[in-house]
Amino acid sequence: MRRPARRALAALAVAIPAAALFVAAASDAASRPDVRGLPAADAKAVLAAPGWTRLARPPRAGLRPLGAAHPGTKKVVVSETRAQLTRNGRQAYPYPRGTVVVKTGTTGSVVTLIAIMRKVRAANPKNGGWSFHEYTRSSAAEPFRRTSFPESGCADCHQNAARTQRTDWVFYSLR
């Protein structure tokens, strides 16, 4: 083989892995949740959420109309593992302090809602010991913006889950 051909093959041997790395990096970035507009602590929770435990059992039928406050297809995950959330094979309540629940709502293929609950203290009648943050956007081109809906409004609605299902203010639960 002549020298120019060897150089071309050597250059190709370097270029192909570099191109593959670029494609992998681009697809990794595309699969990461969009956190533009979220404060650092909430962005960190959303970025960690894909590895968390899925809460897939929807609320009782009588509570489902309350879900209209969060339109779209919902996915709810919790920071605790299944083992941490169960006792004798059943989900145990209350959730431990430090637990984070992240709900995303998708309209079409775009995440338009991010709602975050953090268990910050022992249960109390006002908010169950949870803090609530909710962010929305209209399109993928926009950053998320915190809603103007007060935390007390979130707590008022979530109190129904506590009363009706006894699921520590969280509508969705483990299967």
N, C-alpha and C. Protein backbone atom coordinates (compact mmCIF):
# COMPACT_ATOMS: atom_id res chain seq x y z
N MET A 1 0.84 -1.17 0.00
CA MET A 1 0.00 0.00 0.00
C MET A 1 0.88 1.23 0.00
N ARG A 2 0.53 2.21 -0.80
CA ARG A 2 1.32 3.44 -0.88
C ARG A 2 1.08 4.31 0.34
N ARG A 3 2.03 5.20 0.61
CA ARG A 3 1.95 6.08 1.78
C ARG A 3 0.69 6.94 1.83
N PRO A 4 0.28 7.60 0.76
CA PRO A 4 -0.93 8.42 0.83
C PRO A 4 -2.15 7.59 1.22
N ALA A 5 -2.22 6.34 0.73
CA ALA A 5 -3.35 5.47 1.07
C ALA A 5 -3.32 5.12 2.55
N ARG A 6 -2.12 4.85 3.09
CA ARG A 6 -1.99 4.56 4.53
C ARG A 6 -2.42 5.75 5.37
N ARG A 7 -1.99 6.94 4.97
CA ARG A 7 -2.38 8.16 5.70
C ARG A 7 -3.89 8.34 5.68
N ALA A 8 -4.49 8.08 4.54
CA ALA A 8 -5.94 8.22 4.41
C ALA A 8 -6.66 7.23 5.32
N LEU A 9 -6.16 5.98 5.36
CA LEU A 9 -6.76 4.98 6.24
C LEU A 9 -6.56 5.36 7.71
N ALA A 10 -5.39 5.85 8.06
CA ALA A 10 -5.12 6.27 9.43
C ALA A 10 -6.04 7.41 9.83
N ALA A 11 -6.21 8.38 8.92
CA ALA A 11 -7.11 9.51 9.20
C ALA A 11 -8.54 9.02 9.37
N LEU A 12 -8.96 8.08 8.55
CA LEU A 12 -10.30 7.51 8.63
C LEU A 12 -10.48 6.76 9.94
N ALA A 13 -9.45 6.03 10.37
CA ALA A 13 -9.53 5.28 11.62
C ALA A 13 -9.73 6.21 12.81
N VAL A 14 -9.21 7.42 12.75
CA VAL A 14 -9.40 8.41 13.81
C VAL A 14 -10.75 9.10 13.66
N ALA A 15 -11.15 9.39 12.44
CA ALA A 15 -12.37 10.15 12.19
C ALA A 15 -13.63 9.38 12.55
N ILE A 16 -13.67 8.08 12.26
CA ILE A 16 -14.88 7.30 12.52
C ILE A 16 -15.22 7.26 14.01
N PRO A 17 -14.28 6.89 14.90
CA PRO A 17 -14.62 6.92 16.32
C PRO A 17 -15.00 8.32 16.80
N ALA A 18 -14.32 9.36 16.27
CA ALA A 18 -14.66 10.73 16.68
C ALA A 18 -16.08 11.07 16.26
N ALA A 19 -16.48 10.67 15.06
CA ALA A 19 -17.84 10.93 14.60
C ALA A 19 -18.84 10.16 15.45
N ALA A 20 -18.52 8.91 15.78
CA ALA A 20 -19.42 8.12 16.63
C ALA A 20 -19.57 8.76 18.00
N LEU A 21 -18.48 9.28 18.53
CA LEU A 21 -18.53 9.96 19.82
C LEU A 21 -19.41 11.19 19.74
N PHE A 22 -19.30 11.96 18.65
CA PHE A 22 -20.13 13.15 18.46
C PHE A 22 -21.60 12.76 18.40
N VAL A 23 -21.95 11.71 17.66
CA VAL A 23 -23.34 11.27 17.55
C VAL A 23 -23.84 10.81 18.91
N ALA A 24 -23.04 10.05 19.65
CA ALA A 24 -23.45 9.59 20.98
C ALA A 24 -23.66 10.77 21.91
N ALA A 25 -22.77 11.74 21.87
CA ALA A 25 -22.91 12.92 22.74
C ALA A 25 -24.17 13.70 22.38
N ALA A 26 -24.44 13.83 21.09
CA ALA A 26 -25.64 14.55 20.66
C ALA A 26 -26.89 13.82 21.10
N SER A 27 -26.92 12.48 20.98
CA SER A 27 -28.11 11.74 21.39
C SER A 27 -28.26 11.75 22.90
N ASP A 28 -27.15 11.73 23.66
CA ASP A 28 -27.23 11.84 25.12
C ASP A 28 -27.85 13.18 25.51
N ALA A 29 -27.40 14.26 24.86
CA ALA A 29 -27.94 15.58 25.17
C ALA A 29 -29.41 15.65 24.81
N ALA A 30 -29.81 15.01 23.72
CA ALA A 30 -31.20 15.04 23.30
C ALA A 30 -32.08 14.26 24.28
N SER A 31 -31.55 13.24 24.93
CA SER A 31 -32.36 12.43 25.84
C SER A 31 -32.40 13.00 27.26
N ARG A 32 -31.55 13.96 27.56
CA ARG A 32 -31.57 14.58 28.89
C ARG A 32 -32.78 15.49 29.01
N PRO A 33 -33.41 15.53 30.17
CA PRO A 33 -34.55 16.42 30.36
C PRO A 33 -34.14 17.88 30.19
N ASP A 34 -35.04 18.67 29.64
CA ASP A 34 -34.82 20.10 29.46
C ASP A 34 -35.13 20.79 30.79
N VAL A 35 -34.17 21.47 31.36
CA VAL A 35 -34.36 22.13 32.66
C VAL A 35 -34.18 23.65 32.57
N ARG A 36 -34.21 24.19 31.35
CA ARG A 36 -34.07 25.63 31.20
C ARG A 36 -35.16 26.36 31.97
N GLY A 37 -34.75 27.33 32.79
CA GLY A 37 -35.70 28.13 33.56
C GLY A 37 -35.91 27.63 34.98
N LEU A 38 -35.45 26.43 35.32
CA LEU A 38 -35.64 25.89 36.66
C LEU A 38 -34.49 26.32 37.57
N PRO A 39 -34.78 26.61 38.84
CA PRO A 39 -33.71 26.87 39.80
C PRO A 39 -32.82 25.63 39.95
N ALA A 40 -31.61 25.81 40.39
CA ALA A 40 -30.62 24.73 40.45
C ALA A 40 -31.11 23.48 41.19
N ALA A 41 -31.71 23.63 42.36
CA ALA A 41 -32.15 22.47 43.14
C ALA A 41 -33.22 21.68 42.40
N ASP A 42 -34.14 22.37 41.75
CA ASP A 42 -35.20 21.67 41.01
C ASP A 42 -34.65 21.06 39.73
N ALA A 43 -33.73 21.74 39.07
CA ALA A 43 -33.09 21.18 37.87
C ALA A 43 -32.34 19.90 38.23
N LYS A 44 -31.65 19.89 39.35
CA LYS A 44 -30.90 18.71 39.80
C LYS A 44 -31.86 17.53 40.01
N ALA A 45 -33.02 17.78 40.62
CA ALA A 45 -34.00 16.71 40.84
C ALA A 45 -34.52 16.17 39.51
N VAL A 46 -34.84 17.05 38.58
CA VAL A 46 -35.37 16.63 37.28
C VAL A 46 -34.33 15.83 36.50
N LEU A 47 -33.07 16.23 36.56
CA LEU A 47 -32.00 15.50 35.86
C LEU A 47 -31.77 14.12 36.47
N ALA A 48 -32.00 13.97 37.78
CA ALA A 48 -31.82 12.68 38.44
C ALA A 48 -33.04 11.77 38.26
N ALA A 49 -34.20 12.35 38.03
CA ALA A 49 -35.47 11.63 38.03
C ALA A 49 -35.55 10.43 37.08
N PRO A 50 -34.93 10.43 35.89
CA PRO A 50 -35.07 9.25 35.03
C PRO A 50 -34.60 7.94 35.67
N GLY A 51 -33.74 7.99 36.66
CA GLY A 51 -33.27 6.78 37.33
C GLY A 51 -34.08 6.42 38.57
N TRP A 52 -35.13 7.15 38.85
CA TRP A 52 -35.91 6.94 40.08
C TRP A 52 -37.02 5.91 39.90
N THR A 53 -37.71 5.59 40.98
CA THR A 53 -38.79 4.61 41.01
C THR A 53 -40.07 5.22 40.44
N ARG A 54 -40.70 4.51 39.53
CA ARG A 54 -41.93 5.00 38.90
C ARG A 54 -43.13 4.74 39.80
N LEU A 55 -43.94 5.76 39.98
CA LEU A 55 -45.24 5.61 40.64
C LEU A 55 -46.25 5.50 39.51
N ALA A 56 -46.79 4.31 39.29
CA ALA A 56 -47.60 4.06 38.10
C ALA A 56 -49.08 3.82 38.38
N ARG A 57 -49.44 3.59 39.64
CA ARG A 57 -50.86 3.37 39.94
C ARG A 57 -51.54 4.74 40.04
N PRO A 58 -52.49 5.01 39.14
CA PRO A 58 -53.16 6.32 39.17
C PRO A 58 -54.05 6.45 40.42
N PRO A 59 -54.48 7.66 40.71
CA PRO A 59 -55.34 7.86 41.87
C PRO A 59 -56.69 7.16 41.70
N ARG A 60 -57.40 7.02 42.82
CA ARG A 60 -58.75 6.45 42.77
C ARG A 60 -59.60 7.23 41.78
N ALA A 61 -60.57 6.55 41.20
CA ALA A 61 -61.41 7.15 40.15
C ALA A 61 -62.02 8.47 40.58
N GLY A 62 -62.47 8.58 41.81
CA GLY A 62 -63.10 9.82 42.28
C GLY A 62 -62.14 11.00 42.33
N LEU A 63 -60.84 10.74 42.38
CA LEU A 63 -59.84 11.80 42.44
C LEU A 63 -59.30 12.18 41.06
N ARG A 64 -59.53 11.37 40.06
CA ARG A 64 -58.93 11.60 38.74
C ARG A 64 -59.32 12.93 38.10
N PRO A 65 -60.56 13.44 38.30
CA PRO A 65 -60.88 14.75 37.71
C PRO A 65 -59.96 15.87 38.21
N LEU A 66 -59.38 15.70 39.38
CA LEU A 66 -58.45 16.72 39.89
C LEU A 66 -57.19 16.80 39.03
N GLY A 67 -56.91 15.75 38.27
CA GLY A 67 -55.75 15.72 37.39
C GLY A 67 -55.83 16.71 36.24
N ALA A 68 -57.01 17.28 36.02
CA ALA A 68 -57.17 18.27 34.95
C ALA A 68 -56.30 19.50 35.21
N ALA A 69 -55.89 19.71 36.44
CA ALA A 69 -55.00 20.82 36.77
C ALA A 69 -53.63 20.63 36.13
N HIS A 70 -53.28 19.39 35.83
CA HIS A 70 -52.01 19.05 35.17
C HIS A 70 -52.34 18.32 33.88
N PRO A 71 -52.50 19.06 32.77
CA PRO A 71 -52.90 18.41 31.51
C PRO A 71 -51.79 17.57 30.90
N GLY A 72 -52.18 16.72 29.95
CA GLY A 72 -51.22 15.92 29.21
C GLY A 72 -51.01 14.55 29.82
N THR A 73 -50.11 13.80 29.20
CA THR A 73 -49.74 12.47 29.68
C THR A 73 -48.77 12.65 30.83
N LYS A 74 -49.06 12.00 31.94
CA LYS A 74 -48.25 12.20 33.15
C LYS A 74 -47.31 11.03 33.42
N LYS A 75 -46.14 11.37 33.94
CA LYS A 75 -45.19 10.37 34.44
C LYS A 75 -44.76 10.86 35.80
N VAL A 76 -44.87 9.99 36.80
CA VAL A 76 -44.56 10.37 38.18
C VAL A 76 -43.49 9.42 38.71
N VAL A 77 -42.40 9.99 39.23
CA VAL A 77 -41.31 9.21 39.81
C VAL A 77 -40.98 9.74 41.20
N VAL A 78 -40.37 8.86 42.00
CA VAL A 78 -40.01 9.21 43.38
C VAL A 78 -38.56 8.84 43.63
N SER A 79 -37.89 9.64 44.45
CA SER A 79 -36.46 9.46 44.69
C SER A 79 -36.12 8.21 45.50
N GLU A 80 -37.05 7.65 46.22
CA GLU A 80 -36.79 6.47 47.04
C GLU A 80 -36.88 5.20 46.20
N THR A 81 -36.18 4.15 46.62
CA THR A 81 -36.26 2.87 45.92
C THR A 81 -37.51 2.13 46.34
N ARG A 82 -37.88 1.13 45.56
CA ARG A 82 -39.05 0.30 45.90
C ARG A 82 -38.87 -0.31 47.30
N ALA A 83 -37.67 -0.78 47.61
CA ALA A 83 -37.41 -1.38 48.92
C ALA A 83 -37.62 -0.36 50.04
N GLN A 84 -37.23 0.89 49.81
CA GLN A 84 -37.41 1.93 50.83
C GLN A 84 -38.87 2.32 51.00
N LEU A 85 -39.68 2.09 49.97
CA LEU A 85 -41.08 2.51 50.01
C LEU A 85 -42.04 1.42 50.45
N THR A 86 -41.55 0.20 50.63
CA THR A 86 -42.46 -0.90 50.96
C THR A 86 -42.11 -1.56 52.29
N ARG A 87 -43.15 -2.13 52.87
CA ARG A 87 -43.03 -2.94 54.08
C ARG A 87 -43.98 -4.12 53.90
N ASN A 88 -43.47 -5.32 54.06
CA ASN A 88 -44.27 -6.53 53.87
C ASN A 88 -44.94 -6.56 52.50
N GLY A 89 -44.23 -6.10 51.48
CA GLY A 89 -44.74 -6.16 50.12
C GLY A 89 -45.74 -5.07 49.74
N ARG A 90 -46.05 -4.16 50.65
CA ARG A 90 -47.02 -3.09 50.37
C ARG A 90 -46.35 -1.75 50.57
N GLN A 91 -46.83 -0.76 49.82
CA GLN A 91 -46.26 0.57 49.97
C GLN A 91 -46.58 1.11 51.36
N ALA A 92 -45.57 1.69 52.00
CA ALA A 92 -45.71 2.21 53.35
C ALA A 92 -45.75 3.74 53.33
N TYR A 93 -46.52 4.31 54.20
CA TYR A 93 -46.64 5.76 54.34
C TYR A 93 -46.42 6.10 55.80
N PRO A 94 -46.01 7.29 56.12
CA PRO A 94 -45.70 8.41 55.25
C PRO A 94 -44.35 8.23 54.55
N TYR A 95 -44.15 9.03 53.52
CA TYR A 95 -42.87 9.05 52.83
C TYR A 95 -41.82 9.61 53.79
N PRO A 96 -40.58 9.14 53.69
CA PRO A 96 -39.53 9.67 54.57
C PRO A 96 -39.18 11.12 54.23
N ARG A 97 -38.76 11.85 55.25
CA ARG A 97 -38.28 13.22 55.04
C ARG A 97 -37.13 13.17 54.03
N GLY A 98 -37.11 14.11 53.10
CA GLY A 98 -36.09 14.15 52.05
C GLY A 98 -36.56 13.53 50.74
N THR A 99 -37.70 12.84 50.75
CA THR A 99 -38.23 12.26 49.53
C THR A 99 -38.59 13.37 48.53
N VAL A 100 -38.32 13.11 47.26
CA VAL A 100 -38.69 14.05 46.19
C VAL A 100 -39.55 13.29 45.19
N VAL A 101 -40.67 13.90 44.80
CA VAL A 101 -41.55 13.35 43.77
C VAL A 101 -41.53 14.33 42.60
N VAL A 102 -41.28 13.81 41.39
CA VAL A 102 -41.27 14.65 40.18
C VAL A 102 -42.34 14.12 39.24
N LYS A 103 -43.24 15.01 38.84
CA LYS A 103 -44.27 14.68 37.85
C LYS A 103 -44.00 15.50 36.60
N THR A 104 -43.98 14.83 35.45
CA THR A 104 -43.88 15.55 34.18
C THR A 104 -45.18 15.32 33.41
N GLY A 105 -45.60 16.35 32.72
CA GLY A 105 -46.77 16.26 31.86
C GLY A 105 -46.34 16.55 30.44
N THR A 106 -46.72 15.67 29.52
CA THR A 106 -46.32 15.81 28.13
C THR A 106 -47.53 16.08 27.26
N THR A 107 -47.40 17.09 26.42
CA THR A 107 -48.42 17.40 25.42
C THR A 107 -47.79 17.11 24.07
N GLY A 108 -48.33 16.12 23.36
CA GLY A 108 -47.66 15.65 22.15
C GLY A 108 -46.35 15.00 22.56
N SER A 109 -45.24 15.49 22.02
CA SER A 109 -43.93 14.95 22.41
C SER A 109 -43.14 15.93 23.27
N VAL A 110 -43.79 17.01 23.72
CA VAL A 110 -43.10 18.06 24.46
C VAL A 110 -43.50 18.03 25.94
N VAL A 111 -42.51 18.03 26.82
CA VAL A 111 -42.79 18.16 28.25
C VAL A 111 -43.18 19.61 28.49
N THR A 112 -44.42 19.83 28.93
CA THR A 112 -44.93 21.19 29.16
C THR A 112 -45.18 21.47 30.63
N LEU A 113 -45.03 20.45 31.49
CA LEU A 113 -45.25 20.61 32.93
C LEU A 113 -44.18 19.87 33.70
N ILE A 114 -43.66 20.50 34.73
CA ILE A 114 -42.82 19.83 35.72
C ILE A 114 -43.36 20.25 37.08
N ALA A 115 -43.79 19.27 37.87
CA ALA A 115 -44.28 19.54 39.23
C ALA A 115 -43.39 18.75 40.19
N ILE A 116 -42.92 19.42 41.23
CA ILE A 116 -41.99 18.81 42.18
C ILE A 116 -42.54 18.95 43.59
N MET A 117 -42.56 17.82 44.31
CA MET A 117 -42.93 17.80 45.72
C MET A 117 -41.71 17.34 46.51
N ARG A 118 -41.42 18.03 47.61
CA ARG A 118 -40.33 17.62 48.51
C ARG A 118 -40.88 17.45 49.91
N LYS A 119 -40.57 16.31 50.51
CA LYS A 119 -40.98 16.09 51.91
C LYS A 119 -39.92 16.77 52.77
N VAL A 120 -40.29 17.93 53.33
CA VAL A 120 -39.31 18.77 54.02
C VAL A 120 -39.41 18.71 55.54
N ARG A 121 -40.53 18.21 56.05
CA ARG A 121 -40.67 18.13 57.51
C ARG A 121 -41.74 17.10 57.84
N ALA A 122 -41.93 16.88 59.12
CA ALA A 122 -42.98 15.95 59.55
C ALA A 122 -44.33 16.49 59.09
N ALA A 123 -45.26 15.59 58.95
CA ALA A 123 -46.60 15.96 58.48
C ALA A 123 -47.21 17.06 59.33
N ASN A 124 -47.89 17.97 58.66
CA ASN A 124 -48.69 18.98 59.36
C ASN A 124 -49.97 19.17 58.55
N PRO A 125 -51.03 19.67 59.19
CA PRO A 125 -52.32 19.77 58.50
C PRO A 125 -52.33 20.76 57.33
N LYS A 126 -51.39 21.69 57.31
CA LYS A 126 -51.39 22.73 56.29
C LYS A 126 -50.91 22.21 54.93
N ASN A 127 -49.86 21.38 54.94
CA ASN A 127 -49.29 20.90 53.66
C ASN A 127 -48.74 19.48 53.73
N GLY A 128 -49.00 18.77 54.80
CA GLY A 128 -48.52 17.40 54.93
C GLY A 128 -47.02 17.28 55.09
N GLY A 129 -46.33 18.41 55.27
CA GLY A 129 -44.88 18.41 55.38
C GLY A 129 -44.18 18.52 54.02
N TRP A 130 -44.95 18.75 52.96
CA TRP A 130 -44.42 18.84 51.60
C TRP A 130 -44.27 20.29 51.17
N SER A 131 -43.27 20.54 50.31
CA SER A 131 -43.21 21.81 49.58
C SER A 131 -43.56 21.48 48.14
N PHE A 132 -44.18 22.42 47.44
CA PHE A 132 -44.67 22.20 46.08
C PHE A 132 -44.11 23.26 45.15
N HIS A 133 -43.57 22.84 44.00
CA HIS A 133 -43.10 23.76 42.96
C HIS A 133 -43.66 23.27 41.63
N GLU A 134 -44.17 24.19 40.83
CA GLU A 134 -44.74 23.80 39.54
C GLU A 134 -44.26 24.75 38.46
N TYR A 135 -43.85 24.17 37.32
CA TYR A 135 -43.33 24.93 36.19
C TYR A 135 -44.06 24.50 34.93
N THR A 136 -44.32 25.45 34.03
CA THR A 136 -44.97 25.14 32.76
C THR A 136 -44.30 25.91 31.63
N ARG A 137 -44.62 25.46 30.42
CA ARG A 137 -44.22 26.16 29.21
C ARG A 137 -45.19 25.72 28.11
N SER A 138 -45.27 26.51 27.04
CA SER A 138 -46.18 26.20 25.93
C SER A 138 -45.53 25.38 24.84
N SER A 139 -44.22 25.51 24.67
CA SER A 139 -43.53 24.80 23.58
C SER A 139 -42.11 24.45 23.99
N ALA A 140 -41.48 23.57 23.23
CA ALA A 140 -40.10 23.15 23.50
C ALA A 140 -39.12 24.29 23.33
N ALA A 141 -39.49 25.32 22.59
CA ALA A 141 -38.58 26.45 22.36
C ALA A 141 -38.49 27.36 23.59
N GLU A 142 -39.45 27.25 24.49
CA GLU A 142 -39.48 28.13 25.67
C GLU A 142 -38.81 27.48 26.88
N PRO A 143 -38.25 28.30 27.77
CA PRO A 143 -37.80 27.75 29.06
C PRO A 143 -39.03 27.56 29.96
N PHE A 144 -38.87 26.77 31.00
CA PHE A 144 -39.95 26.61 31.98
C PHE A 144 -40.05 27.88 32.82
N ARG A 145 -41.28 28.16 33.27
CA ARG A 145 -41.52 29.29 34.17
C ARG A 145 -42.33 28.79 35.36
N ARG A 146 -41.98 29.26 36.52
CA ARG A 146 -42.74 28.89 37.72
C ARG A 146 -44.14 29.45 37.59
N THR A 147 -45.14 28.64 37.92
CA THR A 147 -46.52 29.11 37.82
C THR A 147 -46.80 30.11 38.92
N SER A 148 -47.81 30.92 38.71
CA SER A 148 -48.20 31.90 39.72
C SER A 148 -49.18 31.29 40.72
N PHE A 149 -49.56 30.03 40.50
CA PHE A 149 -50.47 29.35 41.40
C PHE A 149 -49.78 29.18 42.76
N PRO A 150 -50.43 29.55 43.85
CA PRO A 150 -49.75 29.48 45.16
C PRO A 150 -49.56 28.04 45.64
N GLU A 151 -48.51 27.85 46.43
CA GLU A 151 -48.24 26.54 47.01
C GLU A 151 -49.43 26.03 47.81
N SER A 152 -50.13 26.95 48.44
CA SER A 152 -51.30 26.55 49.24
C SER A 152 -52.37 25.92 48.36
N GLY A 153 -52.47 26.35 47.10
CA GLY A 153 -53.42 25.74 46.17
C GLY A 153 -53.04 24.31 45.85
N CYS A 154 -51.75 24.07 45.67
CA CYS A 154 -51.27 22.70 45.45
C CYS A 154 -51.62 21.84 46.66
N ALA A 155 -51.31 22.37 47.85
CA ALA A 155 -51.57 21.63 49.09
C ALA A 155 -53.05 21.35 49.26
N ASP A 156 -53.91 22.32 48.95
CA ASP A 156 -55.36 22.11 49.07
C ASP A 156 -55.81 20.92 48.23
N CYS A 157 -55.31 20.83 47.01
CA CYS A 157 -55.69 19.73 46.11
C CYS A 157 -55.08 18.41 46.59
N HIS A 158 -53.81 18.43 46.95
CA HIS A 158 -53.13 17.20 47.37
C HIS A 158 -53.65 16.67 48.69
N GLN A 159 -54.29 17.50 49.47
CA GLN A 159 -54.89 17.03 50.72
C GLN A 159 -55.97 15.99 50.44
N ASN A 160 -56.59 16.06 49.26
CA ASN A 160 -57.59 15.05 48.87
C ASN A 160 -56.97 13.66 48.79
N ALA A 161 -55.74 13.57 48.31
CA ALA A 161 -55.06 12.27 48.26
C ALA A 161 -54.82 11.76 49.67
N ALA A 162 -54.49 12.65 50.59
CA ALA A 162 -54.25 12.26 51.97
C ALA A 162 -55.54 11.75 52.62
N ARG A 163 -56.64 12.44 52.40
CA ARG A 163 -57.92 12.07 53.01
C ARG A 163 -58.54 10.83 52.37
N THR A 164 -58.57 10.80 51.04
CA THR A 164 -59.29 9.76 50.32
C THR A 164 -58.50 8.47 50.19
N GLN A 165 -57.23 8.56 49.86
CA GLN A 165 -56.40 7.36 49.63
C GLN A 165 -55.46 7.05 50.77
N ARG A 166 -55.22 8.03 51.61
CA ARG A 166 -54.23 7.91 52.70
C ARG A 166 -52.85 7.57 52.13
N THR A 167 -52.45 8.34 51.11
CA THR A 167 -51.17 8.11 50.43
C THR A 167 -50.20 9.26 50.67
N ASP A 168 -50.28 9.88 51.84
CA ASP A 168 -49.36 10.95 52.23
C ASP A 168 -49.29 12.07 51.19
N TRP A 169 -50.45 12.54 50.74
CA TRP A 169 -50.57 13.71 49.89
C TRP A 169 -50.12 13.47 48.44
N VAL A 170 -49.75 12.26 48.08
CA VAL A 170 -49.30 11.95 46.73
C VAL A 170 -50.41 11.16 46.02
N PHE A 171 -50.83 11.60 44.85
CA PHE A 171 -51.92 10.95 44.14
C PHE A 171 -51.54 9.59 43.59
N TYR A 172 -50.37 9.48 42.95
CA TYR A 172 -49.95 8.21 42.35
C TYR A 172 -49.20 7.38 43.37
N SER A 173 -49.23 6.04 43.20
CA SER A 173 -48.52 5.15 44.11
C SER A 173 -47.89 4.01 43.32
N LEU A 174 -47.17 3.15 44.03
CA LEU A 174 -46.55 1.99 43.38
C LEU A 174 -47.63 1.04 42.88
N ARG A 175 -47.32 0.25 41.89
CA ARG A 175 -48.25 -0.79 41.40
C ARG A 175 -48.28 -1.91 42.39
